[in-house]
Amino acid sequence: MRSLLIAGFLVCSGTAIAQSADQPADRPLNIDKDPAAIVELGGAASWNLKGGGSSFGADIAAEITPIENWLEIEAGVTPLFTRHSTEWDTDLLFKKPWTLSKKAEFMFGVGPEWVHTRQYGMTMNSVAFEAVLDFMFWPTGKHKFGWYLEPGYDYSFGRGHEHSLGITGGLLIAIP
């Protein structure tokens, strides 16, 4: 009985790892063509819904896909500047992706954010909540270089409970 199970396993595994006629012998099977990570480099703008002020800055983030078609995790930093203040937003977003086509993807993400603000010589730190819509466009469909547009909403749990709308956009670079 044991030898029958082993023989059945070998037959089944043999068909699972057999190469197709068009598969080169020196190329491993099941190559995951998705990148290991995607780097986002771009600009950012934010509008405070309570105070009405706006700020502008840069955006850098890295995104990985631990569960294909279900979960993408993005960690990023955005320094925002106004005339009298500097704000550093550091976030960790959990996103659900949807593939619209070979050249377009959409994601909805939420997560925590740490906000470090220096305004008029005073420093404040607070925790915030962030929700984003992420649109990614890959001109060639090969997911090596592309661009993104990410509108978002922030709610700060710190003093004043600030609400803000923001948008980031820029270049996508796939890391193999």
N, C-alpha and C. Protein backbone atom coordinates (compact mmCIF):
# COMPACT_ATOMS: atom_id res chain seq x y z
N MET A 1 0.83 -1.20 0.00
CA MET A 1 0.00 0.00 0.00
C MET A 1 0.87 1.26 0.00
N ARG A 2 1.91 1.23 0.80
CA ARG A 2 2.81 2.38 0.90
C ARG A 2 3.48 2.64 -0.44
N SER A 3 3.93 1.62 -1.13
CA SER A 3 4.59 1.80 -2.42
C SER A 3 3.60 2.31 -3.47
N LEU A 4 2.34 1.94 -3.37
CA LEU A 4 1.32 2.44 -4.28
C LEU A 4 1.11 3.95 -4.08
N LEU A 5 1.11 4.39 -2.84
CA LEU A 5 0.98 5.83 -2.55
C LEU A 5 2.17 6.61 -3.09
N ILE A 6 3.37 6.08 -2.89
CA ILE A 6 4.58 6.75 -3.38
C ILE A 6 4.57 6.82 -4.89
N ALA A 7 4.18 5.72 -5.55
CA ALA A 7 4.12 5.70 -7.01
C ALA A 7 3.09 6.71 -7.52
N GLY A 8 1.94 6.78 -6.87
CA GLY A 8 0.91 7.75 -7.26
C GLY A 8 1.39 9.18 -7.10
N PHE A 9 2.10 9.44 -6.02
CA PHE A 9 2.66 10.78 -5.78
C PHE A 9 3.65 11.15 -6.87
N LEU A 10 4.54 10.21 -7.25
CA LEU A 10 5.54 10.49 -8.28
C LEU A 10 4.89 10.74 -9.63
N VAL A 11 3.86 9.97 -9.96
CA VAL A 11 3.17 10.18 -11.23
C VAL A 11 2.50 11.55 -11.26
N CYS A 12 1.80 11.90 -10.18
CA CYS A 12 1.12 13.20 -10.13
C CYS A 12 2.12 14.34 -10.14
N SER A 13 3.21 14.23 -9.39
CA SER A 13 4.19 15.32 -9.36
C SER A 13 4.94 15.41 -10.66
N GLY A 14 5.11 14.31 -11.36
CA GLY A 14 5.78 14.33 -12.66
C GLY A 14 5.00 15.12 -13.67
N THR A 15 3.69 14.96 -13.68
CA THR A 15 2.88 15.73 -14.62
C THR A 15 2.81 17.20 -14.21
N ALA A 16 2.92 17.48 -12.94
CA ALA A 16 2.85 18.87 -12.47
C ALA A 16 4.11 19.64 -12.83
N ILE A 17 5.27 18.95 -12.92
CA ILE A 17 6.51 19.68 -13.21
C ILE A 17 7.01 19.47 -14.63
N ALA A 18 6.25 18.78 -15.46
CA ALA A 18 6.66 18.57 -16.84
C ALA A 18 6.70 19.90 -17.57
N GLN A 19 7.73 20.04 -18.45
CA GLN A 19 7.85 21.28 -19.20
C GLN A 19 7.03 21.20 -20.47
N SER A 20 6.52 22.35 -20.88
CA SER A 20 5.82 22.40 -22.15
C SER A 20 6.85 22.47 -23.27
N ALA A 21 6.43 22.21 -24.50
CA ALA A 21 7.34 22.18 -25.63
C ALA A 21 7.98 23.54 -25.89
N ASP A 22 7.27 24.63 -25.61
CA ASP A 22 7.81 25.96 -25.87
C ASP A 22 8.58 26.53 -24.68
N GLN A 23 8.71 25.80 -23.58
CA GLN A 23 9.43 26.26 -22.39
C GLN A 23 10.91 25.91 -22.53
N PRO A 24 11.82 26.90 -22.56
CA PRO A 24 13.25 26.60 -22.63
C PRO A 24 13.70 25.77 -21.42
N ALA A 25 14.61 24.84 -21.67
CA ALA A 25 15.06 23.93 -20.61
C ALA A 25 15.84 24.66 -19.52
N ASP A 26 16.53 25.76 -19.87
CA ASP A 26 17.34 26.47 -18.87
C ASP A 26 16.54 27.49 -18.08
N ARG A 27 15.27 27.67 -18.41
CA ARG A 27 14.43 28.65 -17.71
C ARG A 27 13.52 27.92 -16.73
N PRO A 28 13.56 28.31 -15.45
CA PRO A 28 12.72 27.63 -14.46
C PRO A 28 11.24 27.84 -14.74
N LEU A 29 10.45 26.88 -14.33
CA LEU A 29 9.00 27.00 -14.45
C LEU A 29 8.45 27.96 -13.42
N ASN A 30 7.24 28.40 -13.63
CA ASN A 30 6.49 29.23 -12.67
C ASN A 30 7.24 30.50 -12.28
N ILE A 31 7.84 31.14 -13.26
CA ILE A 31 8.49 32.41 -12.96
C ILE A 31 7.40 33.43 -12.66
N ASP A 32 7.50 34.05 -11.49
CA ASP A 32 6.53 35.06 -11.12
C ASP A 32 6.96 36.36 -11.78
N LYS A 33 6.20 36.81 -12.76
CA LYS A 33 6.57 38.01 -13.51
C LYS A 33 6.24 39.28 -12.76
N ASP A 34 5.52 39.18 -11.66
CA ASP A 34 5.24 40.35 -10.86
C ASP A 34 6.50 40.81 -10.15
N PRO A 35 6.68 42.11 -10.00
CA PRO A 35 7.88 42.60 -9.31
C PRO A 35 7.85 42.27 -7.82
N ALA A 36 9.04 42.23 -7.23
CA ALA A 36 9.14 41.99 -5.78
C ALA A 36 8.57 43.17 -5.01
N ALA A 37 8.75 44.37 -5.54
CA ALA A 37 8.23 45.58 -4.91
C ALA A 37 8.04 46.64 -5.98
N ILE A 38 7.24 47.63 -5.66
CA ILE A 38 7.05 48.77 -6.54
C ILE A 38 7.35 50.02 -5.74
N VAL A 39 8.20 50.87 -6.28
CA VAL A 39 8.57 52.13 -5.63
C VAL A 39 7.76 53.25 -6.28
N GLU A 40 7.22 54.12 -5.43
CA GLU A 40 6.47 55.29 -5.90
C GLU A 40 7.27 56.54 -5.58
N LEU A 41 7.54 57.36 -6.57
CA LEU A 41 8.23 58.64 -6.39
C LEU A 41 7.38 59.73 -7.02
N GLY A 42 7.03 60.74 -6.24
CA GLY A 42 6.19 61.77 -6.82
C GLY A 42 6.02 62.99 -5.95
N GLY A 43 4.98 63.72 -6.25
CA GLY A 43 4.65 64.93 -5.52
C GLY A 43 3.35 64.76 -4.77
N ALA A 44 3.12 65.64 -3.80
CA ALA A 44 1.93 65.55 -2.96
C ALA A 44 1.38 66.94 -2.68
N ALA A 45 0.07 66.99 -2.52
CA ALA A 45 -0.61 68.22 -2.12
C ALA A 45 -1.68 67.83 -1.11
N SER A 46 -1.91 68.69 -0.11
CA SER A 46 -2.90 68.40 0.94
C SER A 46 -3.65 69.68 1.29
N TRP A 47 -4.96 69.53 1.53
CA TRP A 47 -5.80 70.66 1.91
C TRP A 47 -6.48 70.34 3.23
N ASN A 48 -6.25 71.20 4.22
CA ASN A 48 -6.85 71.03 5.54
C ASN A 48 -8.30 71.48 5.46
N LEU A 49 -9.23 70.57 5.80
CA LEU A 49 -10.65 70.90 5.71
C LEU A 49 -11.14 71.76 6.86
N LYS A 50 -10.40 71.79 7.98
CA LYS A 50 -10.82 72.63 9.12
C LYS A 50 -10.25 74.04 9.01
N GLY A 51 -8.97 74.13 8.67
CA GLY A 51 -8.33 75.44 8.63
C GLY A 51 -8.25 76.04 7.25
N GLY A 52 -8.50 75.23 6.24
CA GLY A 52 -8.50 75.76 4.89
C GLY A 52 -7.13 75.93 4.26
N GLY A 53 -6.05 75.63 4.97
CA GLY A 53 -4.72 75.81 4.41
C GLY A 53 -4.31 74.65 3.53
N SER A 54 -3.35 74.92 2.67
CA SER A 54 -2.83 73.87 1.80
C SER A 54 -1.33 73.73 2.00
N SER A 55 -0.84 72.54 1.70
CA SER A 55 0.60 72.28 1.80
C SER A 55 1.01 71.39 0.64
N PHE A 56 2.31 71.46 0.32
CA PHE A 56 2.83 70.72 -0.83
C PHE A 56 4.16 70.08 -0.45
N GLY A 57 4.49 68.98 -1.13
CA GLY A 57 5.75 68.32 -0.86
C GLY A 57 5.99 67.16 -1.79
N ALA A 58 6.82 66.26 -1.35
CA ALA A 58 7.20 65.08 -2.12
C ALA A 58 6.55 63.84 -1.52
N ASP A 59 6.65 62.74 -2.25
CA ASP A 59 6.10 61.48 -1.77
C ASP A 59 7.02 60.35 -2.21
N ILE A 60 7.32 59.45 -1.28
CA ILE A 60 8.08 58.25 -1.61
C ILE A 60 7.45 57.09 -0.83
N ALA A 61 7.25 55.98 -1.53
CA ALA A 61 6.63 54.82 -0.91
C ALA A 61 7.12 53.55 -1.60
N ALA A 62 6.98 52.43 -0.90
CA ALA A 62 7.29 51.12 -1.46
C ALA A 62 6.10 50.22 -1.17
N GLU A 63 5.78 49.38 -2.14
CA GLU A 63 4.60 48.53 -2.05
C GLU A 63 4.97 47.09 -2.37
N ILE A 64 4.46 46.15 -1.57
CA ILE A 64 4.68 44.72 -1.81
C ILE A 64 3.32 44.03 -1.90
N THR A 65 3.31 42.82 -2.46
CA THR A 65 2.08 42.05 -2.61
C THR A 65 2.24 40.71 -1.89
N PRO A 66 1.82 40.62 -0.62
CA PRO A 66 1.94 39.34 0.09
C PRO A 66 0.89 38.32 -0.34
N ILE A 67 -0.31 38.78 -0.74
CA ILE A 67 -1.37 37.86 -1.18
C ILE A 67 -1.89 38.37 -2.52
N GLU A 68 -1.52 37.66 -3.59
CA GLU A 68 -1.88 38.06 -4.95
C GLU A 68 -3.39 38.27 -5.08
N ASN A 69 -3.78 39.38 -5.69
CA ASN A 69 -5.17 39.78 -5.94
C ASN A 69 -5.99 40.05 -4.68
N TRP A 70 -5.38 40.04 -3.50
CA TRP A 70 -6.13 40.28 -2.26
C TRP A 70 -5.53 41.35 -1.37
N LEU A 71 -4.20 41.41 -1.30
CA LEU A 71 -3.59 42.33 -0.34
C LEU A 71 -2.29 42.89 -0.88
N GLU A 72 -2.18 44.20 -0.83
CA GLU A 72 -0.93 44.90 -1.09
C GLU A 72 -0.67 45.79 0.12
N ILE A 73 0.58 45.85 0.53
CA ILE A 73 0.97 46.67 1.68
C ILE A 73 1.92 47.75 1.20
N GLU A 74 1.60 48.99 1.56
CA GLU A 74 2.42 50.13 1.15
C GLU A 74 2.89 50.89 2.38
N ALA A 75 4.17 51.19 2.42
CA ALA A 75 4.74 52.05 3.46
C ALA A 75 5.33 53.27 2.77
N GLY A 76 5.00 54.45 3.30
CA GLY A 76 5.48 55.65 2.64
C GLY A 76 5.70 56.82 3.57
N VAL A 77 6.43 57.81 3.05
CA VAL A 77 6.73 59.03 3.79
C VAL A 77 6.44 60.21 2.87
N THR A 78 5.75 61.22 3.43
CA THR A 78 5.41 62.42 2.68
C THR A 78 5.72 63.65 3.52
N PRO A 79 6.77 64.41 3.18
CA PRO A 79 6.99 65.70 3.85
C PRO A 79 6.16 66.78 3.16
N LEU A 80 5.41 67.52 3.95
CA LEU A 80 4.56 68.59 3.41
C LEU A 80 4.99 69.92 4.02
N PHE A 81 5.02 70.96 3.20
CA PHE A 81 5.54 72.25 3.63
C PHE A 81 4.54 73.37 3.38
N THR A 82 4.44 74.28 4.35
CA THR A 82 3.70 75.53 4.19
C THR A 82 4.64 76.65 4.61
N ARG A 83 4.13 77.86 4.66
CA ARG A 83 4.97 79.00 5.02
C ARG A 83 5.52 78.90 6.45
N HIS A 84 4.70 78.43 7.40
CA HIS A 84 5.11 78.42 8.80
C HIS A 84 5.19 77.02 9.41
N SER A 85 5.07 75.98 8.60
CA SER A 85 5.09 74.64 9.20
C SER A 85 5.66 73.61 8.25
N THR A 86 6.12 72.53 8.87
CA THR A 86 6.58 71.35 8.16
C THR A 86 5.89 70.15 8.79
N GLU A 87 5.36 69.29 7.95
CA GLU A 87 4.66 68.10 8.43
C GLU A 87 5.24 66.87 7.73
N TRP A 88 5.56 65.84 8.51
CA TRP A 88 6.03 64.56 7.98
C TRP A 88 4.96 63.52 8.26
N ASP A 89 4.38 62.99 7.20
CA ASP A 89 3.38 61.93 7.32
C ASP A 89 4.03 60.59 6.95
N THR A 90 3.97 59.64 7.86
CA THR A 90 4.49 58.29 7.62
C THR A 90 3.32 57.33 7.75
N ASP A 91 3.05 56.57 6.67
CA ASP A 91 1.86 55.73 6.70
C ASP A 91 2.16 54.27 6.35
N LEU A 92 1.24 53.42 6.74
CA LEU A 92 1.26 51.99 6.42
C LEU A 92 -0.15 51.65 5.96
N LEU A 93 -0.29 51.40 4.65
CA LEU A 93 -1.60 51.18 4.07
C LEU A 93 -1.79 49.72 3.66
N PHE A 94 -2.98 49.22 3.90
CA PHE A 94 -3.37 47.87 3.49
C PHE A 94 -4.39 48.04 2.37
N LYS A 95 -4.04 47.55 1.17
CA LYS A 95 -4.85 47.82 -0.02
C LYS A 95 -5.41 46.55 -0.64
N LYS A 96 -6.62 46.65 -1.15
CA LYS A 96 -7.24 45.59 -1.93
C LYS A 96 -7.11 45.98 -3.39
N PRO A 97 -6.40 45.17 -4.21
CA PRO A 97 -6.23 45.53 -5.62
C PRO A 97 -7.29 44.93 -6.53
N TRP A 98 -7.58 45.64 -7.61
CA TRP A 98 -8.42 45.15 -8.70
C TRP A 98 -7.69 45.45 -10.00
N THR A 99 -7.51 44.45 -10.84
CA THR A 99 -6.88 44.64 -12.13
C THR A 99 -7.96 45.01 -13.14
N LEU A 100 -7.86 46.20 -13.71
CA LEU A 100 -8.83 46.66 -14.68
C LEU A 100 -8.47 46.20 -16.09
N SER A 101 -7.15 46.16 -16.37
CA SER A 101 -6.63 45.68 -17.65
C SER A 101 -5.14 45.41 -17.46
N LYS A 102 -4.45 45.03 -18.54
CA LYS A 102 -3.01 44.82 -18.43
C LYS A 102 -2.28 46.12 -18.12
N LYS A 103 -2.92 47.24 -18.44
CA LYS A 103 -2.27 48.54 -18.28
C LYS A 103 -2.82 49.38 -17.14
N ALA A 104 -3.87 48.92 -16.45
CA ALA A 104 -4.48 49.75 -15.40
C ALA A 104 -4.90 48.90 -14.21
N GLU A 105 -4.63 49.44 -13.01
CA GLU A 105 -5.03 48.79 -11.77
C GLU A 105 -5.70 49.84 -10.88
N PHE A 106 -6.55 49.36 -10.00
CA PHE A 106 -7.20 50.22 -9.02
C PHE A 106 -7.09 49.54 -7.66
N MET A 107 -6.85 50.33 -6.61
CA MET A 107 -6.79 49.80 -5.25
C MET A 107 -7.50 50.73 -4.30
N PHE A 108 -8.11 50.13 -3.29
CA PHE A 108 -8.66 50.89 -2.17
C PHE A 108 -7.85 50.49 -0.96
N GLY A 109 -7.37 51.49 -0.20
CA GLY A 109 -6.53 51.18 0.95
C GLY A 109 -6.86 52.01 2.17
N VAL A 110 -6.60 51.43 3.32
CA VAL A 110 -6.76 52.11 4.60
C VAL A 110 -5.58 51.74 5.50
N GLY A 111 -5.32 52.59 6.48
CA GLY A 111 -4.27 52.25 7.43
C GLY A 111 -3.93 53.40 8.36
N PRO A 112 -3.04 53.10 9.30
CA PRO A 112 -2.62 54.12 10.26
C PRO A 112 -1.56 55.05 9.67
N GLU A 113 -1.46 56.21 10.30
CA GLU A 113 -0.49 57.21 9.86
C GLU A 113 0.06 57.91 11.10
N TRP A 114 1.35 58.16 11.09
CA TRP A 114 1.99 58.94 12.16
C TRP A 114 2.31 60.31 11.55
N VAL A 115 1.88 61.36 12.23
CA VAL A 115 2.05 62.73 11.73
C VAL A 115 2.94 63.50 12.70
N HIS A 116 4.06 63.99 12.18
CA HIS A 116 5.01 64.80 12.95
C HIS A 116 4.97 66.21 12.37
N THR A 117 4.51 67.18 13.18
CA THR A 117 4.33 68.55 12.70
C THR A 117 5.19 69.51 13.51
N ARG A 118 5.83 70.43 12.80
CA ARG A 118 6.55 71.53 13.46
C ARG A 118 5.96 72.82 12.91
N GLN A 119 5.28 73.56 13.82
CA GLN A 119 4.58 74.77 13.40
C GLN A 119 4.88 75.88 14.40
N TYR A 120 5.36 77.01 13.92
CA TYR A 120 5.70 78.17 14.75
C TYR A 120 6.61 77.77 15.91
N GLY A 121 7.58 76.90 15.66
CA GLY A 121 8.54 76.51 16.69
C GLY A 121 8.06 75.41 17.62
N MET A 122 6.83 74.99 17.54
CA MET A 122 6.30 73.91 18.39
C MET A 122 6.24 72.61 17.60
N THR A 123 6.58 71.51 18.26
CA THR A 123 6.54 70.20 17.63
C THR A 123 5.40 69.38 18.21
N MET A 124 4.63 68.74 17.34
CA MET A 124 3.52 67.88 17.76
C MET A 124 3.60 66.56 16.99
N ASN A 125 3.23 65.49 17.68
CA ASN A 125 3.11 64.18 17.06
C ASN A 125 1.70 63.68 17.29
N SER A 126 1.14 63.01 16.30
CA SER A 126 -0.20 62.45 16.46
C SER A 126 -0.36 61.23 15.57
N VAL A 127 -1.35 60.45 15.91
CA VAL A 127 -1.72 59.29 15.11
C VAL A 127 -2.93 59.68 14.28
N ALA A 128 -2.99 59.18 13.06
CA ALA A 128 -4.09 59.50 12.17
C ALA A 128 -4.55 58.24 11.44
N PHE A 129 -5.69 58.36 10.78
CA PHE A 129 -6.25 57.31 9.94
C PHE A 129 -6.24 57.83 8.51
N GLU A 130 -5.90 56.97 7.58
CA GLU A 130 -5.85 57.39 6.18
C GLU A 130 -6.61 56.39 5.30
N ALA A 131 -7.35 56.90 4.33
CA ALA A 131 -8.03 56.08 3.33
C ALA A 131 -7.67 56.64 1.96
N VAL A 132 -7.33 55.75 1.01
CA VAL A 132 -6.89 56.21 -0.31
C VAL A 132 -7.55 55.39 -1.42
N LEU A 133 -7.61 56.00 -2.57
CA LEU A 133 -7.94 55.34 -3.84
C LEU A 133 -6.67 55.42 -4.66
N ASP A 134 -6.19 54.31 -5.16
CA ASP A 134 -4.91 54.27 -5.87
C ASP A 134 -5.14 53.81 -7.30
N PHE A 135 -4.80 54.67 -8.25
CA PHE A 135 -4.90 54.33 -9.66
C PHE A 135 -3.49 54.19 -10.21
N MET A 136 -3.19 53.02 -10.77
CA MET A 136 -1.86 52.76 -11.33
C MET A 136 -1.99 52.50 -12.83
N PHE A 137 -1.12 53.13 -13.60
CA PHE A 137 -1.17 53.00 -15.06
C PHE A 137 0.20 52.54 -15.56
N TRP A 138 0.21 51.49 -16.35
CA TRP A 138 1.42 50.90 -16.91
C TRP A 138 1.35 51.04 -18.43
N PRO A 139 2.02 52.02 -19.04
CA PRO A 139 1.88 52.28 -20.48
C PRO A 139 2.18 51.07 -21.38
N THR A 140 3.15 50.25 -21.04
CA THR A 140 3.49 49.11 -21.90
C THR A 140 2.79 47.83 -21.48
N GLY A 141 2.18 47.81 -20.32
CA GLY A 141 1.54 46.60 -19.83
C GLY A 141 2.51 45.62 -19.21
N LYS A 142 3.81 45.94 -19.19
CA LYS A 142 4.82 45.03 -18.64
C LYS A 142 5.12 45.28 -17.17
N HIS A 143 4.57 46.30 -16.58
CA HIS A 143 4.71 46.61 -15.16
C HIS A 143 6.17 46.82 -14.75
N LYS A 144 6.91 47.56 -15.58
CA LYS A 144 8.29 47.94 -15.22
C LYS A 144 8.34 49.40 -14.80
N PHE A 145 7.71 50.25 -15.60
CA PHE A 145 7.61 51.68 -15.31
C PHE A 145 6.18 52.11 -15.58
N GLY A 146 5.69 53.01 -14.75
CA GLY A 146 4.34 53.51 -14.94
C GLY A 146 4.16 54.78 -14.15
N TRP A 147 2.92 55.14 -13.94
CA TRP A 147 2.61 56.32 -13.13
C TRP A 147 1.37 56.05 -12.31
N TYR A 148 1.21 56.83 -11.25
CA TYR A 148 0.10 56.62 -10.32
C TYR A 148 -0.54 57.95 -9.95
N LEU A 149 -1.77 57.84 -9.51
CA LEU A 149 -2.53 58.97 -8.98
C LEU A 149 -3.29 58.44 -7.78
N GLU A 150 -3.11 59.08 -6.62
CA GLU A 150 -3.67 58.55 -5.37
C GLU A 150 -4.34 59.64 -4.55
N PRO A 151 -5.65 59.85 -4.73
CA PRO A 151 -6.36 60.77 -3.84
C PRO A 151 -6.60 60.10 -2.49
N GLY A 152 -6.62 60.91 -1.42
CA GLY A 152 -6.80 60.33 -0.09
C GLY A 152 -7.47 61.27 0.89
N TYR A 153 -7.85 60.68 2.02
CA TYR A 153 -8.48 61.41 3.12
C TYR A 153 -7.75 61.04 4.41
N ASP A 154 -7.42 62.03 5.22
CA ASP A 154 -6.75 61.81 6.51
C ASP A 154 -7.61 62.36 7.63
N TYR A 155 -7.65 61.62 8.74
CA TYR A 155 -8.31 62.08 9.95
C TYR A 155 -7.33 61.92 11.10
N SER A 156 -6.97 63.02 11.72
CA SER A 156 -6.00 63.01 12.82
C SER A 156 -6.70 62.83 14.16
N PHE A 157 -6.14 61.97 15.00
CA PHE A 157 -6.67 61.77 16.35
C PHE A 157 -6.01 62.71 17.35
N GLY A 158 -5.09 63.55 16.87
CA GLY A 158 -4.41 64.51 17.73
C GLY A 158 -5.28 65.72 18.05
N ARG A 159 -4.67 66.68 18.75
CA ARG A 159 -5.38 67.90 19.12
C ARG A 159 -5.95 68.59 17.89
N GLY A 160 -7.20 68.96 17.94
CA GLY A 160 -7.86 69.63 16.83
C GLY A 160 -8.56 68.68 15.87
N HIS A 161 -8.26 67.40 15.94
CA HIS A 161 -8.87 66.39 15.05
C HIS A 161 -8.98 66.89 13.62
N GLU A 162 -7.84 67.21 13.03
CA GLU A 162 -7.83 67.75 11.68
C GLU A 162 -8.29 66.72 10.66
N HIS A 163 -8.97 67.22 9.64
CA HIS A 163 -9.39 66.43 8.49
C HIS A 163 -8.70 67.04 7.28
N SER A 164 -8.22 66.21 6.38
CA SER A 164 -7.61 66.77 5.18
C SER A 164 -7.83 65.86 3.98
N LEU A 165 -7.87 66.49 2.83
CA LEU A 165 -7.91 65.79 1.56
C LEU A 165 -6.57 66.00 0.89
N GLY A 166 -6.07 64.97 0.25
CA GLY A 166 -4.79 65.09 -0.41
C GLY A 166 -4.75 64.30 -1.69
N ILE A 167 -3.71 64.56 -2.45
CA ILE A 167 -3.49 63.80 -3.68
C ILE A 167 -1.99 63.67 -3.88
N THR A 168 -1.59 62.49 -4.27
CA THR A 168 -0.19 62.25 -4.63
C THR A 168 -0.19 61.66 -6.03
N GLY A 169 0.89 61.84 -6.71
CA GLY A 169 1.03 61.28 -8.05
C GLY A 169 2.47 61.31 -8.48
N GLY A 170 2.80 60.41 -9.38
CA GLY A 170 4.17 60.38 -9.86
C GLY A 170 4.51 59.10 -10.59
N LEU A 171 5.77 58.72 -10.48
CA LEU A 171 6.35 57.62 -11.23
C LEU A 171 6.33 56.33 -10.44
N LEU A 172 6.03 55.22 -11.11
CA LEU A 172 6.13 53.88 -10.54
C LEU A 172 7.34 53.17 -11.12
N ILE A 173 8.14 52.57 -10.26
CA ILE A 173 9.31 51.83 -10.69
C ILE A 173 9.25 50.44 -10.07
N ALA A 174 9.21 49.42 -10.91
CA ALA A 174 9.15 48.04 -10.42
C ALA A 174 10.55 47.56 -10.05
N ILE A 175 10.65 46.90 -8.91
CA ILE A 175 11.90 46.29 -8.47
C ILE A 175 11.77 44.78 -8.69
N PRO A 176 12.58 44.20 -9.59
CA PRO A 176 12.44 42.76 -9.90
C PRO A 176 12.75 41.85 -8.72
